[in-house]
Amino acid sequence: SSCFNVANLSLCGIPFLSGFYSKDLILESVF
């Protein structure tokens, strides 16, 4: 369950998880 939460939060783009770094850059580039 802990690992499941890590993957879910990374999918959301929560800061300092792996999904945050890529999705945040794409979001800023869109603007």
mmCIF file of all heavy atoms, coordinates in Angstrom:
data_MODEL
# 
_entry.id   MODEL 
# 
loop_
_atom_site.group_PDB 
_atom_site.id 
_atom_site.type_symbol 
_atom_site.label_atom_id 
_atom_site.label_alt_id 
_atom_site.label_comp_id 
_atom_site.label_asym_id 
_atom_site.label_entity_id 
_atom_site.label_seq_id 
_atom_site.pdbx_PDB_ins_code 
_atom_site.Cartn_x 
_atom_site.Cartn_y 
_atom_site.Cartn_z 
_atom_site.occupancy 
_atom_site.B_iso_or_equiv 
_atom_site.pdbx_formal_charge 
_atom_site.auth_seq_id 
_atom_site.auth_comp_id 
_atom_site.auth_asym_id 
_atom_site.auth_atom_id 
_atom_site.pdbx_PDB_model_num 
ATOM 1   N N   . SER A 1 1  ? 0.820  -1.209 0.000   1.00 0.00 ? 1  SER A N   1 
ATOM 2   C CA  . SER A 1 1  ? 0.000  0.000  0.000   1.00 0.00 ? 1  SER A CA  1 
ATOM 3   C C   . SER A 1 1  ? 0.853  1.258  0.000   1.00 0.00 ? 1  SER A C   1 
ATOM 4   O O   . SER A 1 1  ? 0.517  2.252  -0.655  1.00 0.00 ? 1  SER A O   1 
ATOM 5   C CB  . SER A 1 1  ? -0.931 0.002  1.217   1.00 0.00 ? 1  SER A CB  1 
ATOM 6   O OG  . SER A 1 1  ? -1.817 -1.088 1.176   1.00 0.00 ? 1  SER A OG  1 
ATOM 7   N N   . SER A 1 2  ? 1.961  1.229  0.707   1.00 0.00 ? 2  SER A N   1 
ATOM 8   C CA  . SER A 1 2  ? 2.870  2.388  0.706   1.00 0.00 ? 2  SER A CA  1 
ATOM 9   C C   . SER A 1 2  ? 3.448  2.621  -0.683  1.00 0.00 ? 2  SER A C   1 
ATOM 10  O O   . SER A 1 2  ? 3.496  3.764  -1.173  1.00 0.00 ? 2  SER A O   1 
ATOM 11  C CB  . SER A 1 2  ? 3.988  2.169  1.724   1.00 0.00 ? 2  SER A CB  1 
ATOM 12  O OG  . SER A 1 2  ? 3.469  1.981  3.022   1.00 0.00 ? 2  SER A OG  1 
ATOM 13  N N   . CYS A 1 3  ? 3.886  1.539  -1.327  1.00 0.00 ? 3  CYS A N   1 
ATOM 14  C CA  . CYS A 1 3  ? 4.419  1.678  -2.689  1.00 0.00 ? 3  CYS A CA  1 
ATOM 15  C C   . CYS A 1 3  ? 3.326  2.107  -3.671  1.00 0.00 ? 3  CYS A C   1 
ATOM 16  O O   . CYS A 1 3  ? 3.590  2.855  -4.620  1.00 0.00 ? 3  CYS A O   1 
ATOM 17  C CB  . CYS A 1 3  ? 5.054  0.363  -3.127  1.00 0.00 ? 3  CYS A CB  1 
ATOM 18  S SG  . CYS A 1 3  ? 6.442  -0.176 -2.105  1.00 0.00 ? 3  CYS A SG  1 
ATOM 19  N N   . PHE A 1 4  ? 2.106  1.633  -3.440  1.00 0.00 ? 4  PHE A N   1 
ATOM 20  C CA  . PHE A 1 4  ? 0.970  2.026  -4.272  1.00 0.00 ? 4  PHE A CA  1 
ATOM 21  C C   . PHE A 1 4  ? 0.722  3.531  -4.160  1.00 0.00 ? 4  PHE A C   1 
ATOM 22  O O   . PHE A 1 4  ? 0.455  4.210  -5.162  1.00 0.00 ? 4  PHE A O   1 
ATOM 23  C CB  . PHE A 1 4  ? -0.262 1.231  -3.835  1.00 0.00 ? 4  PHE A CB  1 
ATOM 24  C CG  . PHE A 1 4  ? -1.485 1.465  -4.664  1.00 0.00 ? 4  PHE A CG  1 
ATOM 25  C CD1 . PHE A 1 4  ? -1.653 0.832  -5.879  1.00 0.00 ? 4  PHE A CD1 1 
ATOM 26  C CD2 . PHE A 1 4  ? -2.481 2.318  -4.220  1.00 0.00 ? 4  PHE A CD2 1 
ATOM 27  C CE1 . PHE A 1 4  ? -2.791 1.041  -6.643  1.00 0.00 ? 4  PHE A CE1 1 
ATOM 28  C CE2 . PHE A 1 4  ? -3.618 2.541  -4.973  1.00 0.00 ? 4  PHE A CE2 1 
ATOM 29  C CZ  . PHE A 1 4  ? -3.770 1.892  -6.196  1.00 0.00 ? 4  PHE A CZ  1 
ATOM 30  N N   . ASN A 1 5  ? 0.816  4.062  -2.947  1.00 0.00 ? 5  ASN A N   1 
ATOM 31  C CA  . ASN A 1 5  ? 0.645  5.507  -2.751  1.00 0.00 ? 5  ASN A CA  1 
ATOM 32  C C   . ASN A 1 5  ? 1.767  6.297  -3.408  1.00 0.00 ? 5  ASN A C   1 
ATOM 33  O O   . ASN A 1 5  ? 1.541  7.389  -3.952  1.00 0.00 ? 5  ASN A O   1 
ATOM 34  C CB  . ASN A 1 5  ? 0.581  5.831  -1.260  1.00 0.00 ? 5  ASN A CB  1 
ATOM 35  C CG  . ASN A 1 5  ? -0.769 5.493  -0.668  1.00 0.00 ? 5  ASN A CG  1 
ATOM 36  O OD1 . ASN A 1 5  ? -1.785 5.568  -1.349  1.00 0.00 ? 5  ASN A OD1 1 
ATOM 37  N ND2 . ASN A 1 5  ? -0.793 5.097  0.592   1.00 0.00 ? 5  ASN A ND2 1 
ATOM 38  N N   . VAL A 1 6  ? 2.985  5.757  -3.364  1.00 0.00 ? 6  VAL A N   1 
ATOM 39  C CA  . VAL A 1 6  ? 4.112  6.430  -4.024  1.00 0.00 ? 6  VAL A CA  1 
ATOM 40  C C   . VAL A 1 6  ? 3.861  6.550  -5.524  1.00 0.00 ? 6  VAL A C   1 
ATOM 41  O O   . VAL A 1 6  ? 4.047  7.611  -6.134  1.00 0.00 ? 6  VAL A O   1 
ATOM 42  C CB  . VAL A 1 6  ? 5.421  5.672  -3.738  1.00 0.00 ? 6  VAL A CB  1 
ATOM 43  C CG1 . VAL A 1 6  ? 6.543  6.173  -4.644  1.00 0.00 ? 6  VAL A CG1 1 
ATOM 44  C CG2 . VAL A 1 6  ? 5.824  5.834  -2.281  1.00 0.00 ? 6  VAL A CG2 1 
ATOM 45  N N   . ALA A 1 7  ? 3.419  5.435  -6.139  1.00 0.00 ? 7  ALA A N   1 
ATOM 46  C CA  . ALA A 1 7  ? 3.153  5.465  -7.578  1.00 0.00 ? 7  ALA A CA  1 
ATOM 47  C C   . ALA A 1 7  ? 1.983  6.388  -7.913  1.00 0.00 ? 7  ALA A C   1 
ATOM 48  O O   . ALA A 1 7  ? 2.021  7.126  -8.906  1.00 0.00 ? 7  ALA A O   1 
ATOM 49  C CB  . ALA A 1 7  ? 2.868  4.047  -8.073  1.00 0.00 ? 7  ALA A CB  1 
ATOM 50  N N   . ASN A 1 8  ? 0.946  6.371  -7.089  1.00 0.00 ? 8  ASN A N   1 
ATOM 51  C CA  . ASN A 1 8  ? -0.211 7.225  -7.336  1.00 0.00 ? 8  ASN A CA  1 
ATOM 52  C C   . ASN A 1 8  ? 0.138  8.710  -7.222  1.00 0.00 ? 8  ASN A C   1 
ATOM 53  O O   . ASN A 1 8  ? -0.264 9.529  -8.056  1.00 0.00 ? 8  ASN A O   1 
ATOM 54  C CB  . ASN A 1 8  ? -1.331 6.877  -6.348  1.00 0.00 ? 8  ASN A CB  1 
ATOM 55  C CG  . ASN A 1 8  ? -2.458 6.117  -6.999  1.00 0.00 ? 8  ASN A CG  1 
ATOM 56  O OD1 . ASN A 1 8  ? -2.607 6.134  -8.212  1.00 0.00 ? 8  ASN A OD1 1 
ATOM 57  N ND2 . ASN A 1 8  ? -3.257 5.450  -6.202  1.00 0.00 ? 8  ASN A ND2 1 
ATOM 58  N N   . LEU A 1 9  ? 0.878  9.052  -6.185  1.00 0.00 ? 9  LEU A N   1 
ATOM 59  C CA  . LEU A 1 9  ? 1.265  10.452 -5.997  1.00 0.00 ? 9  LEU A CA  1 
ATOM 60  C C   . LEU A 1 9  ? 2.229  10.914 -7.087  1.00 0.00 ? 9  LEU A C   1 
ATOM 61  O O   . LEU A 1 9  ? 2.201  12.070 -7.512  1.00 0.00 ? 9  LEU A O   1 
ATOM 62  C CB  . LEU A 1 9  ? 1.886  10.641 -4.611  1.00 0.00 ? 9  LEU A CB  1 
ATOM 63  C CG  . LEU A 1 9  ? 0.941  10.406 -3.416  1.00 0.00 ? 9  LEU A CG  1 
ATOM 64  C CD1 . LEU A 1 9  ? 1.701  10.537 -2.103  1.00 0.00 ? 9  LEU A CD1 1 
ATOM 65  C CD2 . LEU A 1 9  ? -0.227 11.378 -3.456  1.00 0.00 ? 9  LEU A CD2 1 
ATOM 66  N N   . SER A 1 10 ? 3.076  10.005 -7.543  1.00 0.00 ? 10 SER A N   1 
ATOM 67  C CA  . SER A 1 10 ? 3.967  10.350 -8.647  1.00 0.00 ? 10 SER A CA  1 
ATOM 68  C C   . SER A 1 10 ? 3.181  10.581 -9.929  1.00 0.00 ? 10 SER A C   1 
ATOM 69  O O   . SER A 1 10 ? 3.513  11.468 -10.726 1.00 0.00 ? 10 SER A O   1 
ATOM 70  C CB  . SER A 1 10 ? 4.993  9.234  -8.845  1.00 0.00 ? 10 SER A CB  1 
ATOM 71  O OG  . SER A 1 10 ? 5.891  9.547  -9.876  1.00 0.00 ? 10 SER A OG  1 
ATOM 72  N N   . LEU A 1 11 ? 2.110  9.807  -10.124 1.00 0.00 ? 11 LEU A N   1 
ATOM 73  C CA  . LEU A 1 11 ? 1.246  10.012 -11.288 1.00 0.00 ? 11 LEU A CA  1 
ATOM 74  C C   . LEU A 1 11 ? 0.560  11.375 -11.239 1.00 0.00 ? 11 LEU A C   1 
ATOM 75  O O   . LEU A 1 11 ? 0.369  12.024 -12.268 1.00 0.00 ? 11 LEU A O   1 
ATOM 76  C CB  . LEU A 1 11 ? 0.213  8.882  -11.346 1.00 0.00 ? 11 LEU A CB  1 
ATOM 77  C CG  . LEU A 1 11 ? -0.862 8.950  -12.427 1.00 0.00 ? 11 LEU A CG  1 
ATOM 78  C CD1 . LEU A 1 11 ? -0.228 8.929  -13.808 1.00 0.00 ? 11 LEU A CD1 1 
ATOM 79  C CD2 . LEU A 1 11 ? -1.843 7.799  -12.282 1.00 0.00 ? 11 LEU A CD2 1 
ATOM 80  N N   . CYS A 1 12 ? 0.196  11.801 -10.034 1.00 0.00 ? 12 CYS A N   1 
ATOM 81  C CA  . CYS A 1 12 ? -0.432 13.127 -9.869  1.00 0.00 ? 12 CYS A CA  1 
ATOM 82  C C   . CYS A 1 12 ? 0.545  14.268 -10.122 1.00 0.00 ? 12 CYS A C   1 
ATOM 83  O O   . CYS A 1 12 ? 0.124  15.380 -10.456 1.00 0.00 ? 12 CYS A O   1 
ATOM 84  C CB  . CYS A 1 12 ? -0.971 13.276 -8.448  1.00 0.00 ? 12 CYS A CB  1 
ATOM 85  S SG  . CYS A 1 12 ? -2.540 12.489 -8.226  1.00 0.00 ? 12 CYS A SG  1 
ATOM 86  N N   . GLY A 1 13 ? 1.827  14.021 -9.937  1.00 0.00 ? 13 GLY A N   1 
ATOM 87  C CA  . GLY A 1 13 ? 2.807  15.089 -10.050 1.00 0.00 ? 13 GLY A CA  1 
ATOM 88  C C   . GLY A 1 13 ? 3.088  15.785 -8.745  1.00 0.00 ? 13 GLY A C   1 
ATOM 89  O O   . GLY A 1 13 ? 3.409  16.980 -8.724  1.00 0.00 ? 13 GLY A O   1 
ATOM 90  N N   . ILE A 1 14 ? 2.973  15.047 -7.637  1.00 0.00 ? 14 ILE A N   1 
ATOM 91  C CA  . ILE A 1 14 ? 3.297  15.615 -6.326  1.00 0.00 ? 14 ILE A CA  1 
ATOM 92  C C   . ILE A 1 14 ? 4.787  15.927 -6.265  1.00 0.00 ? 14 ILE A C   1 
ATOM 93  O O   . ILE A 1 14 ? 5.610  15.130 -6.731  1.00 0.00 ? 14 ILE A O   1 
ATOM 94  C CB  . ILE A 1 14 ? 2.892  14.632 -5.205  1.00 0.00 ? 14 ILE A CB  1 
ATOM 95  C CG1 . ILE A 1 14 ? 1.383  14.390 -5.245  1.00 0.00 ? 14 ILE A CG1 1 
ATOM 96  C CG2 . ILE A 1 14 ? 3.291  15.157 -3.846  1.00 0.00 ? 14 ILE A CG2 1 
ATOM 97  C CD1 . ILE A 1 14 ? 0.532  15.624 -5.067  1.00 0.00 ? 14 ILE A CD1 1 
ATOM 98  N N   . PRO A 1 15 ? 5.176  17.070 -5.733  1.00 0.00 ? 15 PRO A N   1 
ATOM 99  C CA  . PRO A 1 15 ? 6.591  17.474 -5.762  1.00 0.00 ? 15 PRO A CA  1 
ATOM 100 C C   . PRO A 1 15 ? 7.534  16.452 -5.162  1.00 0.00 ? 15 PRO A C   1 
ATOM 101 O O   . PRO A 1 15 ? 7.205  15.751 -4.201  1.00 0.00 ? 15 PRO A O   1 
ATOM 102 C CB  . PRO A 1 15 ? 6.600  18.783 -4.967  1.00 0.00 ? 15 PRO A CB  1 
ATOM 103 C CG  . PRO A 1 15 ? 5.231  19.337 -5.165  1.00 0.00 ? 15 PRO A CG  1 
ATOM 104 C CD  . PRO A 1 15 ? 4.315  18.151 -5.221  1.00 0.00 ? 15 PRO A CD  1 
ATOM 105 N N   . PHE A 1 16 ? 8.712  16.377 -5.789  1.00 0.00 ? 16 PHE A N   1 
ATOM 106 C CA  . PHE A 1 16 ? 9.870  15.581 -5.390  1.00 0.00 ? 16 PHE A CA  1 
ATOM 107 C C   . PHE A 1 16 ? 9.689  14.091 -5.633  1.00 0.00 ? 16 PHE A C   1 
ATOM 108 O O   . PHE A 1 16 ? 10.527 13.302 -5.220  1.00 0.00 ? 16 PHE A O   1 
ATOM 109 C CB  . PHE A 1 16 ? 10.253 15.836 -3.926  1.00 0.00 ? 16 PHE A CB  1 
ATOM 110 C CG  . PHE A 1 16 ? 10.375 17.287 -3.599  1.00 0.00 ? 16 PHE A CG  1 
ATOM 111 C CD1 . PHE A 1 16 ? 9.519  17.894 -2.712  1.00 0.00 ? 16 PHE A CD1 1 
ATOM 112 C CD2 . PHE A 1 16 ? 11.324 18.073 -4.223  1.00 0.00 ? 16 PHE A CD2 1 
ATOM 113 C CE1 . PHE A 1 16 ? 9.620  19.235 -2.422  1.00 0.00 ? 16 PHE A CE1 1 
ATOM 114 C CE2 . PHE A 1 16 ? 11.437 19.419 -3.949  1.00 0.00 ? 16 PHE A CE2 1 
ATOM 115 C CZ  . PHE A 1 16 ? 10.579 20.006 -3.049  1.00 0.00 ? 16 PHE A CZ  1 
ATOM 116 N N   . LEU A 1 17 ? 8.640  13.683 -6.321  1.00 0.00 ? 17 LEU A N   1 
ATOM 117 C CA  . LEU A 1 17 ? 8.542  12.330 -6.846  1.00 0.00 ? 17 LEU A CA  1 
ATOM 118 C C   . LEU A 1 17 ? 8.847  12.378 -8.340  1.00 0.00 ? 17 LEU A C   1 
ATOM 119 O O   . LEU A 1 17 ? 8.911  13.442 -8.960  1.00 0.00 ? 17 LEU A O   1 
ATOM 120 C CB  . LEU A 1 17 ? 7.163  11.739 -6.578  1.00 0.00 ? 17 LEU A CB  1 
ATOM 121 C CG  . LEU A 1 17 ? 6.843  11.482 -5.101  1.00 0.00 ? 17 LEU A CG  1 
ATOM 122 C CD1 . LEU A 1 17 ? 5.425  10.982 -4.932  1.00 0.00 ? 17 LEU A CD1 1 
ATOM 123 C CD2 . LEU A 1 17 ? 7.818  10.487 -4.483  1.00 0.00 ? 17 LEU A CD2 1 
ATOM 124 N N   . SER A 1 18 ? 9.033  11.204 -8.956  1.00 0.00 ? 18 SER A N   1 
ATOM 125 C CA  . SER A 1 18 ? 9.568  11.168 -10.320 1.00 0.00 ? 18 SER A CA  1 
ATOM 126 C C   . SER A 1 18 ? 8.633  11.832 -11.333 1.00 0.00 ? 18 SER A C   1 
ATOM 127 O O   . SER A 1 18 ? 9.090  12.497 -12.262 1.00 0.00 ? 18 SER A O   1 
ATOM 128 C CB  . SER A 1 18 ? 9.840  9.718  -10.727 1.00 0.00 ? 18 SER A CB  1 
ATOM 129 O OG  . SER A 1 18 ? 8.654  8.953  -10.650 1.00 0.00 ? 18 SER A OG  1 
ATOM 130 N N   . GLY A 1 19 ? 7.318  11.660 -11.166 1.00 0.00 ? 19 GLY A N   1 
ATOM 131 C CA  . GLY A 1 19 ? 6.405  12.260 -12.121 1.00 0.00 ? 19 GLY A CA  1 
ATOM 132 C C   . GLY A 1 19 ? 6.361  13.766 -12.066 1.00 0.00 ? 19 GLY A C   1 
ATOM 133 O O   . GLY A 1 19 ? 5.985  14.413 -13.056 1.00 0.00 ? 19 GLY A O   1 
ATOM 134 N N   . PHE A 1 20 ? 6.753  14.344 -10.931 1.00 0.00 ? 20 PHE A N   1 
ATOM 135 C CA  . PHE A 1 20 ? 6.688  15.802 -10.785 1.00 0.00 ? 20 PHE A CA  1 
ATOM 136 C C   . PHE A 1 20 ? 7.652  16.498 -11.726 1.00 0.00 ? 20 PHE A C   1 
ATOM 137 O O   . PHE A 1 20 ? 7.310  17.516 -12.361 1.00 0.00 ? 20 PHE A O   1 
ATOM 138 C CB  . PHE A 1 20 ? 6.993  16.179 -9.328  1.00 0.00 ? 20 PHE A CB  1 
ATOM 139 C CG  . PHE A 1 20 ? 7.363  17.620 -9.128  1.00 0.00 ? 20 PHE A CG  1 
ATOM 140 C CD1 . PHE A 1 20 ? 6.407  18.610 -9.190  1.00 0.00 ? 20 PHE A CD1 1 
ATOM 141 C CD2 . PHE A 1 20 ? 8.683  17.981 -8.889  1.00 0.00 ? 20 PHE A CD2 1 
ATOM 142 C CE1 . PHE A 1 20 ? 6.756  19.938 -9.009  1.00 0.00 ? 20 PHE A CE1 1 
ATOM 143 C CE2 . PHE A 1 20 ? 9.036  19.297 -8.705  1.00 0.00 ? 20 PHE A CE2 1 
ATOM 144 C CZ  . PHE A 1 20 ? 8.065  20.281 -8.767  1.00 0.00 ? 20 PHE A CZ  1 
ATOM 145 N N   . TYR A 1 21 ? 8.869  15.983 -11.859 1.00 0.00 ? 21 TYR A N   1 
ATOM 146 C CA  . TYR A 1 21 ? 9.906  16.676 -12.620 1.00 0.00 ? 21 TYR A CA  1 
ATOM 147 C C   . TYR A 1 21 ? 9.549  16.761 -14.102 1.00 0.00 ? 21 TYR A C   1 
ATOM 148 O O   . TYR A 1 21 ? 9.760  17.797 -14.745 1.00 0.00 ? 21 TYR A O   1 
ATOM 149 C CB  . TYR A 1 21 ? 11.243 15.950 -12.435 1.00 0.00 ? 21 TYR A CB  1 
ATOM 150 C CG  . TYR A 1 21 ? 11.766 16.014 -11.026 1.00 0.00 ? 21 TYR A CG  1 
ATOM 151 C CD1 . TYR A 1 21 ? 11.517 14.989 -10.123 1.00 0.00 ? 21 TYR A CD1 1 
ATOM 152 C CD2 . TYR A 1 21 ? 12.500 17.108 -10.590 1.00 0.00 ? 21 TYR A CD2 1 
ATOM 153 C CE1 . TYR A 1 21 ? 11.987 15.047 -8.822  1.00 0.00 ? 21 TYR A CE1 1 
ATOM 154 C CE2 . TYR A 1 21 ? 12.981 17.184 -9.291  1.00 0.00 ? 21 TYR A CE2 1 
ATOM 155 C CZ  . TYR A 1 21 ? 12.709 16.152 -8.415  1.00 0.00 ? 21 TYR A CZ  1 
ATOM 156 O OH  . TYR A 1 21 ? 13.169 16.208 -7.118  1.00 0.00 ? 21 TYR A OH  1 
ATOM 157 N N   . SER A 1 22 ? 9.001  15.684 -14.655 1.00 0.00 ? 22 SER A N   1 
ATOM 158 C CA  . SER A 1 22 ? 8.681  15.697 -16.082 1.00 0.00 ? 22 SER A CA  1 
ATOM 159 C C   . SER A 1 22 ? 7.368  16.421 -16.365 1.00 0.00 ? 22 SER A C   1 
ATOM 160 O O   . SER A 1 22 ? 7.279  17.233 -17.294 1.00 0.00 ? 22 SER A O   1 
ATOM 161 C CB  . SER A 1 22 ? 8.624  14.258 -16.611 1.00 0.00 ? 22 SER A CB  1 
ATOM 162 O OG  . SER A 1 22 ? 7.706  13.483 -15.867 1.00 0.00 ? 22 SER A OG  1 
ATOM 163 N N   . LYS A 1 23 ? 6.325  16.156 -15.574 1.00 0.00 ? 23 LYS A N   1 
ATOM 164 C CA  . LYS A 1 23 ? 5.025  16.781 -15.838 1.00 0.00 ? 23 LYS A CA  1 
ATOM 165 C C   . LYS A 1 23 ? 5.066  18.280 -15.590 1.00 0.00 ? 23 LYS A C   1 
ATOM 166 O O   . LYS A 1 23 ? 4.411  19.061 -16.289 1.00 0.00 ? 23 LYS A O   1 
ATOM 167 C CB  . LYS A 1 23 ? 3.943  16.134 -14.977 1.00 0.00 ? 23 LYS A CB  1 
ATOM 168 C CG  . LYS A 1 23 ? 3.614  14.713 -15.368 1.00 0.00 ? 23 LYS A CG  1 
ATOM 169 C CD  . LYS A 1 23 ? 2.456  14.154 -14.584 1.00 0.00 ? 23 LYS A CD  1 
ATOM 170 C CE  . LYS A 1 23 ? 1.153  14.766 -14.996 1.00 0.00 ? 23 LYS A CE  1 
ATOM 171 N NZ  . LYS A 1 23 ? -0.002 14.132 -14.355 1.00 0.00 ? 23 LYS A NZ  1 
ATOM 172 N N   . ASP A 1 24 ? 5.825  18.714 -14.593 1.00 0.00 ? 24 ASP A N   1 
ATOM 173 C CA  . ASP A 1 24 ? 5.909  20.142 -14.306 1.00 0.00 ? 24 ASP A CA  1 
ATOM 174 C C   . ASP A 1 24 ? 6.603  20.889 -15.438 1.00 0.00 ? 24 ASP A C   1 
ATOM 175 O O   . ASP A 1 24 ? 6.193  21.994 -15.818 1.00 0.00 ? 24 ASP A O   1 
ATOM 176 C CB  . ASP A 1 24 ? 6.653  20.350 -12.979 1.00 0.00 ? 24 ASP A CB  1 
ATOM 177 C CG  . ASP A 1 24 ? 6.605  21.792 -12.516 1.00 0.00 ? 24 ASP A CG  1 
ATOM 178 O OD1 . ASP A 1 24 ? 5.493  22.268 -12.222 1.00 0.00 ? 24 ASP A OD1 1 
ATOM 179 O OD2 . ASP A 1 24 ? 7.655  22.441 -12.463 1.00 0.00 ? 24 ASP A OD2 1 
ATOM 180 N N   . LEU A 1 25 ? 7.650  20.278 -16.016 1.00 0.00 ? 25 LEU A N   1 
ATOM 181 C CA  . LEU A 1 25 ? 8.324  20.915 -17.144 1.00 0.00 ? 25 LEU A CA  1 
ATOM 182 C C   . LEU A 1 25 ? 7.405  21.007 -18.364 1.00 0.00 ? 25 LEU A C   1 
ATOM 183 O O   . LEU A 1 25 ? 7.385  22.021 -19.075 1.00 0.00 ? 25 LEU A O   1 
ATOM 184 C CB  . LEU A 1 25 ? 9.587  20.128 -17.497 1.00 0.00 ? 25 LEU A CB  1 
ATOM 185 C CG  . LEU A 1 25 ? 10.801 20.342 -16.595 1.00 0.00 ? 25 LEU A CG  1 
ATOM 186 C CD1 . LEU A 1 25 ? 11.932 19.425 -17.021 1.00 0.00 ? 25 LEU A CD1 1 
ATOM 187 C CD2 . LEU A 1 25 ? 11.263 21.782 -16.631 1.00 0.00 ? 25 LEU A CD2 1 
ATOM 188 N N   . ILE A 1 26 ? 6.644  19.948 -18.620 1.00 0.00 ? 26 ILE A N   1 
ATOM 189 C CA  . ILE A 1 26 ? 5.723  19.978 -19.747 1.00 0.00 ? 26 ILE A CA  1 
ATOM 190 C C   . ILE A 1 26 ? 4.633  21.022 -19.523 1.00 0.00 ? 26 ILE A C   1 
ATOM 191 O O   . ILE A 1 26 ? 4.246  21.761 -20.447 1.00 0.00 ? 26 ILE A O   1 
ATOM 192 C CB  . ILE A 1 26 ? 5.116  18.574 -19.969 1.00 0.00 ? 26 ILE A CB  1 
ATOM 193 C CG1 . ILE A 1 26 ? 6.210  17.595 -20.410 1.00 0.00 ? 26 ILE A CG1 1 
ATOM 194 C CG2 . ILE A 1 26 ? 3.997  18.621 -20.995 1.00 0.00 ? 26 ILE A CG2 1 
ATOM 195 C CD1 . ILE A 1 26 ? 5.735  16.169 -20.541 1.00 0.00 ? 26 ILE A CD1 1 
ATOM 196 N N   . LEU A 1 27 ? 4.137  21.117 -18.286 1.00 0.00 ? 27 LEU A N   1 
ATOM 197 C CA  . LEU A 1 27 ? 3.087  22.094 -17.975 1.00 0.00 ? 27 LEU A CA  1 
ATOM 198 C C   . LEU A 1 27 ? 3.582  23.523 -18.165 1.00 0.00 ? 27 LEU A C   1 
ATOM 199 O O   . LEU A 1 27 ? 2.891  24.372 -18.750 1.00 0.00 ? 27 LEU A O   1 
ATOM 200 C CB  . LEU A 1 27 ? 2.598  21.878 -16.543 1.00 0.00 ? 27 LEU A CB  1 
ATOM 201 C CG  . LEU A 1 27 ? 1.387  22.684 -16.084 1.00 0.00 ? 27 LEU A CG  1 
ATOM 202 C CD1 . LEU A 1 27 ? 0.176  22.332 -16.924 1.00 0.00 ? 27 LEU A CD1 1 
ATOM 203 C CD2 . LEU A 1 27 ? 1.108  22.439 -14.603 1.00 0.00 ? 27 LEU A CD2 1 
ATOM 204 N N   . GLU A 1 28 ? 4.800  23.814 -17.714 1.00 0.00 ? 28 GLU A N   1 
ATOM 205 C CA  . GLU A 1 28 ? 5.350  25.155 -17.897 1.00 0.00 ? 28 GLU A CA  1 
ATOM 206 C C   . GLU A 1 28 ? 5.628  25.457 -19.362 1.00 0.00 ? 28 GLU A C   1 
ATOM 207 O O   . GLU A 1 28 ? 5.468  26.599 -19.813 1.00 0.00 ? 28 GLU A O   1 
ATOM 208 C CB  . GLU A 1 28 ? 6.626  25.304 -17.067 1.00 0.00 ? 28 GLU A CB  1 
ATOM 209 C CG  . GLU A 1 28 ? 6.379  25.299 -15.563 1.00 0.00 ? 28 GLU A CG  1 
ATOM 210 C CD  . GLU A 1 28 ? 7.663  25.424 -14.772 1.00 0.00 ? 28 GLU A CD  1 
ATOM 211 O OE1 . GLU A 1 28 ? 8.738  25.450 -15.411 1.00 0.00 ? 28 GLU A OE1 1 
ATOM 212 O OE2 . GLU A 1 28 ? 7.603  25.481 -13.528 1.00 0.00 ? 28 GLU A OE2 1 
ATOM 213 N N   . SER A 1 29 ? 6.038  24.407 -20.126 1.00 0.00 ? 29 SER A N   1 
ATOM 214 C CA  . SER A 1 29 ? 6.288  24.623 -21.555 1.00 0.00 ? 29 SER A CA  1 
ATOM 215 C C   . SER A 1 29 ? 5.007  24.932 -22.308 1.00 0.00 ? 29 SER A C   1 
ATOM 216 O O   . SER A 1 29 ? 5.014  25.702 -23.274 1.00 0.00 ? 29 SER A O   1 
ATOM 217 C CB  . SER A 1 29 ? 6.969  23.386 -22.155 1.00 0.00 ? 29 SER A CB  1 
ATOM 218 O OG  . SER A 1 29 ? 8.192  23.117 -21.515 1.00 0.00 ? 29 SER A OG  1 
ATOM 219 N N   . VAL A 1 30 ? 3.905  24.322 -21.875 1.00 0.00 ? 30 VAL A N   1 
ATOM 220 C CA  . VAL A 1 30 ? 2.626  24.596 -22.526 1.00 0.00 ? 30 VAL A CA  1 
ATOM 221 C C   . VAL A 1 30 ? 2.241  26.062 -22.367 1.00 0.00 ? 30 VAL A C   1 
ATOM 222 O O   . VAL A 1 30 ? 1.717  26.702 -23.289 1.00 0.00 ? 30 VAL A O   1 
ATOM 223 C CB  . VAL A 1 30 ? 1.535  23.655 -21.958 1.00 0.00 ? 30 VAL A CB  1 
ATOM 224 C CG1 . VAL A 1 30 ? 0.141  24.119 -22.358 1.00 0.00 ? 30 VAL A CG1 1 
ATOM 225 C CG2 . VAL A 1 30 ? 1.757  22.240 -22.442 1.00 0.00 ? 30 VAL A CG2 1 
ATOM 226 N N   . PHE A 1 31 ? 2.513  26.628 -21.192 1.00 0.00 ? 31 PHE A N   1 
ATOM 227 C CA  . PHE A 1 31 ? 2.151  28.023 -20.958 1.00 0.00 ? 31 PHE A CA  1 
ATOM 228 C C   . PHE A 1 31 ? 2.966  28.990 -21.820 1.00 0.00 ? 31 PHE A C   1 
ATOM 229 O O   . PHE A 1 31 ? 2.524  30.116 -22.074 1.00 0.00 ? 31 PHE A O   1 
ATOM 230 C CB  . PHE A 1 31 ? 2.339  28.375 -19.484 1.00 0.00 ? 31 PHE A CB  1 
ATOM 231 C CG  . PHE A 1 31 ? 1.346  27.692 -18.584 1.00 0.00 ? 31 PHE A CG  1 
ATOM 232 C CD1 . PHE A 1 31 ? 1.740  27.115 -17.388 1.00 0.00 ? 31 PHE A CD1 1 
ATOM 233 C CD2 . PHE A 1 31 ? 0.012  27.622 -18.931 1.00 0.00 ? 31 PHE A CD2 1 
ATOM 234 C CE1 . PHE A 1 31 ? 0.832  26.497 -16.555 1.00 0.00 ? 31 PHE A CE1 1 
ATOM 235 C CE2 . PHE A 1 31 ? -0.908 26.993 -18.114 1.00 0.00 ? 31 PHE A CE2 1 
ATOM 236 C CZ  . PHE A 1 31 ? -0.501 26.433 -16.929 1.00 0.00 ? 31 PHE A CZ  1 
# 
